Amino acid sequence: LLFRASLAHPQALVRRPAGLDLALLEHNAVDPQVYLRPGAFQSVDLAARFGEPFVHTGYLRLSVVALAIVGLVAAAPALRGRLRAAGALAALSLVMGLGSALWFDGAWVAPGGWRLSLPFGWLRLLLPQVAITHPLRLSVGAQVLLPALAAAGVAPLAARLGQPVGRLCGLLALGMLGEGLFGSAVRWPIVTSSAEIPAYYADLPPGMVLDLPVEAGTGMQTSAWFWYQTGHGRPLPWTPDVRLGSARDEALMRILGPTRPGGGPVLEAPHPLDAAAIAHLRTHYGAIVLHGELAASVGLDGAYAAAFTAAFGPPELRGADRIWRLSPP
């Protein structure tokens, strides 16, 4: 009900289409093998299938699962009732994390041509179509509970092996850490950002900031615009997913890209601005920042520079970046 209310609110920050399309279901499909299969296994190879440089994993670690089973089976009688309740919740979390339909080895399990429905699909009948589009997140309950169950298995295992609990804890912790670092699809070290905010944001004029490009390939590089906002403190036209179609300024979508007949942008395609577009930008924005290296990486640097220079004059240069400080018409 909270999901429904938040998505239906007229001031909702995230806007989604009315229906959940098959491509999104396939993009976020969860293969049950992802919980237990070590190595580079992916439910969906996002790089090969969609050109996206993301890795999704719900790997539980076999060492944790094995020790959790010991905890469920061999814990002290006084604990077993609570532990088994926690185990049931963990199992429910894993089932819900599989999503609306069963996906296995790169395809939907569809006997007779009908996709095999799962409990999360039944739950979605009570929710907006796209309230939860990444079902693997629902496995977080199991991700939390299984280590707790594994902790309950340490004492009975130590007693069975005749080892001090402290020493066994150390060995098990090293094994689990090693499996997490080298046995899962995650590759270390994880790529990180410098999180450095360009100094020129400190003296931008009042008004919204339009950072460009909007989309840079299929990654999330343009999400940096939200981090930069923590430095300049000005409004942005984007919802949390920086995509041309996510702009809350619908006129901006038409300015930055051609529209399809039914409305909505087709792609980001800089083009010469007419008088109405120039007036709109001057009225609503204090500055336009074109990030040169990122724009060049997707072939948009020259077109954007030409379009905005013709409309607003030569930009202020800061390294590879260009800044147009706008004044009201």
Protein backbone atom coordinates (compact mmCIF):
# COMPACT_ATOMS: atom_id res chain seq x y z
CA LEU A 1 0.00 0.00 0.00
CA LEU A 2 2.89 2.36 0.70
CA PHE A 3 4.43 1.54 -2.69
CA ARG A 4 1.10 2.24 -4.35
CA ALA A 5 0.64 5.55 -2.54
CA SER A 6 4.18 6.77 -3.24
CA LEU A 7 4.04 5.98 -6.96
CA ALA A 8 0.54 7.41 -7.41
CA HIS A 9 1.27 10.69 -5.61
CA PRO A 10 1.16 13.71 -7.97
CA GLN A 11 4.55 14.86 -6.66
CA ALA A 12 6.20 11.44 -6.91
CA LEU A 13 9.92 11.77 -7.56
CA VAL A 14 10.07 8.53 -9.55
CA ARG A 15 7.68 8.16 -12.46
CA ARG A 16 7.06 4.84 -14.12
CA PRO A 17 4.93 3.72 -17.05
CA ALA A 18 1.60 2.09 -16.31
CA GLY A 19 2.71 -1.40 -17.40
CA LEU A 20 5.67 -3.61 -16.68
CA ASP A 21 7.08 -4.62 -20.06
CA LEU A 22 8.65 -7.97 -20.83
CA ALA A 23 12.09 -6.45 -21.49
CA LEU A 24 12.25 -5.10 -17.91
CA LEU A 25 11.13 -8.45 -16.50
CA GLU A 26 13.85 -10.21 -18.48
CA HIS A 27 16.46 -7.60 -17.53
CA ASN A 28 15.86 -8.20 -13.82
CA ALA A 29 15.11 -11.94 -13.95
CA VAL A 30 16.57 -14.05 -11.13
CA ASP A 31 17.85 -17.59 -11.68
CA PRO A 32 17.70 -19.64 -8.43
CA GLN A 33 21.23 -20.86 -9.20
CA VAL A 34 22.52 -17.35 -8.37
CA TYR A 35 22.05 -18.10 -4.67
CA LEU A 36 24.29 -21.16 -4.60
CA ARG A 37 26.44 -21.30 -7.74
CA PRO A 38 29.97 -19.94 -7.14
CA GLY A 39 32.09 -18.18 -9.72
CA ALA A 40 31.10 -15.64 -12.33
CA PHE A 41 27.55 -16.95 -12.81
CA GLN A 42 24.90 -14.34 -13.65
CA SER A 43 21.13 -14.79 -13.83
CA VAL A 44 21.24 -12.49 -16.85
CA ASP A 45 24.48 -11.54 -18.57
CA LEU A 46 23.69 -7.83 -18.68
CA ALA A 47 26.85 -6.94 -20.59
CA ALA A 48 26.20 -9.44 -23.38
CA ARG A 49 22.42 -9.09 -23.50
CA PHE A 50 21.90 -5.38 -22.92
CA GLY A 51 25.38 -3.86 -23.17
CA GLU A 52 25.28 -2.79 -19.51
CA PRO A 53 28.42 -3.04 -17.37
CA PHE A 54 26.61 -4.29 -14.27
CA VAL A 55 27.00 -7.42 -12.16
CA HIS A 56 24.00 -8.64 -10.14
CA THR A 57 24.58 -11.35 -7.57
CA GLY A 58 22.66 -12.83 -4.68
CA TYR A 59 25.35 -15.41 -3.89
CA LEU A 60 24.83 -16.65 -0.32
CA ARG A 61 28.22 -18.42 -0.01
CA LEU A 62 28.18 -22.17 0.32
CA SER A 63 30.15 -21.99 3.57
CA VAL A 64 27.46 -19.82 5.16
CA VAL A 65 24.64 -22.04 3.90
CA ALA A 66 26.34 -25.20 5.19
CA LEU A 67 26.94 -23.72 8.64
CA ALA A 68 23.37 -22.36 8.76
CA ILE A 69 22.09 -25.90 8.14
CA VAL A 70 24.23 -27.08 11.06
CA GLY A 71 22.65 -24.36 13.18
CA LEU A 72 19.13 -25.39 12.22
CA VAL A 73 19.77 -29.10 12.81
CA ALA A 74 22.14 -29.21 15.75
CA ALA A 75 21.56 -26.05 17.83
CA ALA A 76 20.52 -26.34 21.45
CA PRO A 77 16.87 -27.43 21.85
CA ALA A 78 15.95 -24.12 23.49
CA LEU A 79 16.98 -22.26 20.33
CA ARG A 80 15.59 -24.55 17.65
CA GLY A 81 12.08 -23.10 17.52
CA ARG A 82 13.29 -19.55 16.97
CA LEU A 83 15.99 -20.64 14.55
CA ARG A 84 13.56 -22.63 12.43
CA ALA A 85 11.18 -19.65 12.31
CA ALA A 86 14.11 -17.56 11.08
CA GLY A 87 14.96 -20.28 8.56
CA ALA A 88 11.38 -20.25 7.25
CA LEU A 89 11.55 -16.46 6.84
CA ALA A 90 14.87 -16.80 5.01
CA ALA A 91 13.36 -19.38 2.66
CA LEU A 92 10.39 -17.10 2.00
CA SER A 93 12.75 -14.21 1.28
CA LEU A 94 14.67 -16.31 -1.26
CA VAL A 95 11.47 -17.42 -3.00
CA MET A 96 10.19 -13.84 -3.21
CA GLY A 97 13.59 -12.78 -4.54
CA LEU A 98 13.09 -14.99 -7.60
CA GLY A 99 10.51 -12.54 -8.94
CA SER A 100 7.21 -13.07 -10.70
CA ALA A 101 8.12 -16.06 -12.85
CA LEU A 102 10.78 -18.77 -12.88
CA TRP A 103 13.91 -18.03 -14.93
CA PHE A 104 16.50 -20.78 -15.43
CA ASP A 105 19.61 -21.04 -17.63
CA GLY A 106 18.88 -17.88 -19.57
CA ALA A 107 15.19 -18.38 -20.35
CA TRP A 108 11.77 -18.43 -18.75
CA VAL A 109 10.55 -21.82 -17.59
CA ALA A 110 7.37 -22.02 -19.65
CA PRO A 111 5.79 -25.49 -19.89
CA GLY A 112 3.08 -25.40 -22.52
CA GLY A 113 4.10 -21.87 -23.48
CA TRP A 114 3.02 -20.31 -20.18
CA ARG A 115 5.62 -18.80 -17.84
CA LEU A 116 5.68 -20.57 -14.47
CA SER A 117 4.31 -18.06 -11.95
CA LEU A 118 5.91 -17.59 -8.52
CA PRO A 119 4.58 -16.09 -5.24
CA PHE A 120 5.97 -12.65 -5.96
CA GLY A 121 3.80 -12.55 -9.05
CA TRP A 122 0.75 -13.16 -6.87
CA LEU A 123 1.83 -10.36 -4.52
CA ARG A 124 2.20 -7.99 -7.45
CA LEU A 125 -1.51 -8.34 -8.13
CA LEU A 126 -2.01 -6.20 -5.01
CA LEU A 127 0.65 -3.63 -5.97
CA PRO A 128 1.19 -1.24 -8.86
CA GLN A 129 2.60 -3.04 -11.90
CA VAL A 130 6.10 -1.64 -11.39
CA ALA A 131 6.30 -1.02 -7.65
CA ILE A 132 9.27 -3.41 -7.32
CA THR A 133 11.21 -3.94 -10.54
CA HIS A 134 14.32 -5.58 -9.02
CA PRO A 135 12.97 -8.63 -7.15
CA LEU A 136 16.43 -9.86 -6.11
CA ARG A 137 16.34 -7.11 -3.51
CA LEU A 138 13.68 -9.10 -1.69
CA SER A 139 16.31 -11.74 -0.89
CA VAL A 140 17.93 -9.30 1.55
CA GLY A 141 16.01 -10.95 4.38
CA ALA A 142 17.82 -14.22 3.71
CA GLN A 143 21.13 -12.40 3.24
CA VAL A 144 20.74 -11.12 6.81
CA LEU A 145 19.24 -14.20 8.45
CA LEU A 146 21.57 -16.88 7.06
CA PRO A 147 24.72 -15.48 8.72
CA ALA A 148 22.78 -15.36 12.01
CA LEU A 149 21.78 -18.99 11.55
CA ALA A 150 25.38 -19.81 10.65
CA ALA A 151 26.53 -18.22 13.92
CA ALA A 152 24.19 -20.59 15.76
CA GLY A 153 25.94 -23.51 14.08
CA VAL A 154 29.43 -22.66 15.35
CA ALA A 155 29.07 -24.06 18.90
CA PRO A 156 27.59 -27.45 17.93
CA LEU A 157 30.16 -27.82 15.15
CA ALA A 158 33.00 -26.98 17.55
CA ALA A 159 31.69 -29.57 20.00
CA ARG A 160 31.46 -32.19 17.26
CA LEU A 161 35.03 -31.47 16.10
CA GLY A 162 36.45 -31.08 19.59
CA GLN A 163 37.83 -27.63 18.79
CA PRO A 164 37.74 -24.41 20.86
CA VAL A 165 34.90 -22.17 19.66
CA GLY A 166 37.17 -19.14 19.30
CA ARG A 167 39.67 -20.91 17.05
CA LEU A 168 36.92 -22.40 14.90
CA CYS A 169 35.26 -18.98 14.57
CA GLY A 170 38.51 -17.55 13.23
CA LEU A 171 38.96 -20.32 10.68
CA LEU A 172 35.34 -20.13 9.54
CA ALA A 173 35.48 -16.33 9.24
CA LEU A 174 38.59 -16.56 7.04
CA GLY A 175 36.91 -19.18 4.85
CA MET A 176 33.74 -17.15 4.45
CA LEU A 177 35.67 -13.98 3.73
CA GLY A 178 37.77 -15.79 1.14
CA GLU A 179 34.68 -17.20 -0.52
CA GLY A 180 33.08 -13.76 -0.60
CA LEU A 181 36.18 -12.20 -2.15
CA PHE A 182 37.10 -14.90 -4.64
CA GLY A 183 34.19 -17.33 -4.95
CA SER A 184 31.37 -15.05 -6.06
CA ALA A 185 30.67 -13.06 -9.23
CA VAL A 186 31.98 -9.91 -7.55
CA ARG A 187 35.49 -9.01 -8.64
CA TRP A 188 37.79 -7.16 -6.28
CA PRO A 189 38.79 -4.44 -6.01
CA ILE A 190 35.43 -2.92 -6.94
CA VAL A 191 35.75 0.06 -9.27
CA THR A 192 35.20 3.30 -7.38
CA SER A 193 34.89 6.99 -8.16
CA SER A 194 37.04 9.77 -6.80
CA ALA A 195 33.82 11.56 -5.72
CA GLU A 196 35.55 14.86 -6.49
CA ILE A 197 33.18 17.75 -7.25
CA PRO A 198 34.59 20.24 -9.80
CA ALA A 199 35.52 23.52 -8.11
CA TYR A 200 33.62 25.66 -10.64
CA TYR A 201 30.28 24.52 -9.18
CA ALA A 202 30.92 26.78 -6.18
CA ASP A 203 30.19 29.99 -8.12
CA LEU A 204 27.37 29.07 -10.51
CA PRO A 205 24.56 31.63 -10.81
CA PRO A 206 21.15 31.04 -9.20
CA GLY A 207 18.72 28.73 -10.96
CA MET A 208 18.60 25.11 -12.04
CA VAL A 209 21.76 23.45 -13.34
CA LEU A 210 21.58 21.48 -16.57
CA ASP A 211 24.44 18.96 -16.68
CA LEU A 212 25.05 17.32 -20.05
CA PRO A 213 25.16 14.76 -21.57
CA VAL A 214 22.03 13.14 -20.20
CA GLU A 215 22.86 9.58 -21.17
CA ALA A 216 26.35 8.18 -21.56
CA GLY A 217 26.06 4.68 -22.90
CA THR A 218 24.29 2.10 -20.76
CA GLY A 219 26.08 2.73 -17.48
CA MET A 220 25.26 5.17 -14.71
CA GLN A 221 27.99 7.77 -15.19
CA THR A 222 25.52 10.62 -15.44
CA SER A 223 24.23 9.83 -11.95
CA ALA A 224 27.24 11.91 -10.88
CA TRP A 225 25.05 14.96 -11.50
CA PHE A 226 23.22 14.17 -8.26
CA TRP A 227 26.50 14.01 -6.36
CA TYR A 228 27.57 17.33 -7.86
CA GLN A 229 24.29 18.78 -6.62
CA THR A 230 25.53 18.29 -3.04
CA GLY A 231 28.25 20.81 -3.91
CA HIS A 232 26.29 23.49 -5.76
CA GLY A 233 22.95 23.12 -3.98
CA ARG A 234 20.89 24.07 -7.03
CA PRO A 235 17.87 22.16 -8.37
CA LEU A 236 18.20 19.61 -11.17
CA PRO A 237 15.59 18.62 -13.77
CA TRP A 238 16.15 14.87 -13.33
CA THR A 239 14.50 12.18 -11.27
CA PRO A 240 16.89 9.66 -9.63
CA ASP A 241 17.40 7.80 -12.90
CA VAL A 242 19.21 10.26 -15.18
CA ARG A 243 17.67 9.45 -18.53
CA LEU A 244 16.17 11.75 -21.13
CA GLY A 245 12.74 10.29 -20.46
CA SER A 246 13.04 10.94 -16.71
CA ALA A 247 13.20 14.74 -17.00
CA ARG A 248 10.51 16.51 -15.00
CA ASP A 249 10.86 19.38 -17.49
CA GLU A 250 8.98 18.05 -20.50
CA ALA A 251 10.03 20.99 -22.67
CA LEU A 252 13.64 20.02 -21.99
CA MET A 253 13.03 16.57 -23.45
CA ARG A 254 11.92 18.18 -26.71
CA ILE A 255 14.89 20.53 -26.69
CA LEU A 256 17.51 17.81 -26.23
CA GLY A 257 16.10 15.16 -28.53
CA PRO A 258 13.55 14.58 -31.28
CA THR A 259 10.22 13.19 -30.14
CA ARG A 260 8.31 10.19 -31.40
CA PRO A 261 4.84 10.78 -32.85
CA GLY A 262 3.09 9.73 -29.66
CA GLY A 263 5.27 12.00 -27.52
CA GLY A 264 8.43 11.39 -25.53
CA PRO A 265 12.05 11.57 -26.68
CA VAL A 266 13.54 8.97 -28.98
CA LEU A 267 17.20 9.67 -28.18
CA GLU A 268 19.57 12.39 -27.08
CA ALA A 269 20.39 14.31 -30.26
CA PRO A 270 21.67 17.91 -29.88
CA HIS A 271 20.37 20.23 -32.59
CA PRO A 272 20.15 24.01 -33.21
CA LEU A 273 17.81 25.76 -30.75
CA ASP A 274 14.89 27.88 -31.84
CA ALA A 275 13.77 31.08 -30.07
CA ALA A 276 11.26 29.24 -27.85
CA ALA A 277 13.91 26.75 -26.67
CA ILE A 278 16.40 29.53 -25.93
CA ALA A 279 13.79 31.48 -23.96
CA HIS A 280 12.81 28.37 -21.99
CA LEU A 281 16.39 27.61 -21.00
CA ARG A 282 17.08 31.20 -19.99
CA THR A 283 13.89 31.33 -17.92
CA HIS A 284 14.35 28.05 -16.04
CA TYR A 285 18.12 27.46 -15.84
CA GLY A 286 20.99 29.38 -14.34
CA ALA A 287 23.77 27.39 -15.98
CA ILE A 288 24.45 24.69 -18.55
CA VAL A 289 27.50 22.51 -17.93
CA LEU A 290 28.76 20.32 -20.76
CA HIS A 291 31.13 17.65 -19.46
CA GLY A 292 33.50 17.38 -22.39
CA GLU A 293 35.20 14.04 -21.81
CA LEU A 294 31.94 12.21 -21.12
CA ALA A 295 30.15 13.91 -24.03
CA ALA A 296 33.03 13.06 -26.35
CA SER A 297 32.92 9.41 -25.28
CA VAL A 298 29.40 9.14 -26.72
CA GLY A 299 29.99 11.43 -29.70
CA LEU A 300 27.90 14.38 -28.45
CA ASP A 301 30.54 16.94 -27.53
CA GLY A 302 30.76 18.76 -30.88
CA ALA A 303 27.01 18.89 -31.50
CA TYR A 304 26.21 20.22 -28.03
CA ALA A 305 29.01 22.79 -28.16
CA ALA A 306 27.84 24.06 -31.55
CA ALA A 307 24.17 24.25 -30.54
CA PHE A 308 24.70 26.10 -27.27
CA THR A 309 27.44 28.41 -28.56
CA ALA A 310 25.15 29.52 -31.37
CA ALA A 311 22.36 30.17 -28.86
CA PHE A 312 24.24 31.64 -25.87
CA GLY A 313 27.66 32.67 -27.14
CA PRO A 314 31.11 31.28 -26.34
CA PRO A 315 31.25 29.17 -23.17
CA GLU A 316 33.54 29.50 -20.20
CA LEU A 317 36.16 26.76 -20.47
CA ARG A 318 37.23 24.71 -17.47
CA GLY A 319 39.52 22.01 -18.79
CA ALA A 320 37.45 19.85 -21.12
CA ASP A 321 34.19 21.18 -19.63
CA ARG A 322 32.19 24.11 -20.99
CA ILE A 323 29.91 26.35 -18.92
CA TRP A 324 27.21 28.68 -20.21
CA ARG A 325 25.97 31.10 -17.54
CA LEU A 326 22.44 32.06 -18.48
CA SER A 327 20.55 35.24 -17.75
CA PRO A 328 16.75 35.65 -17.94
CA PRO A 329 15.42 36.84 -21.32
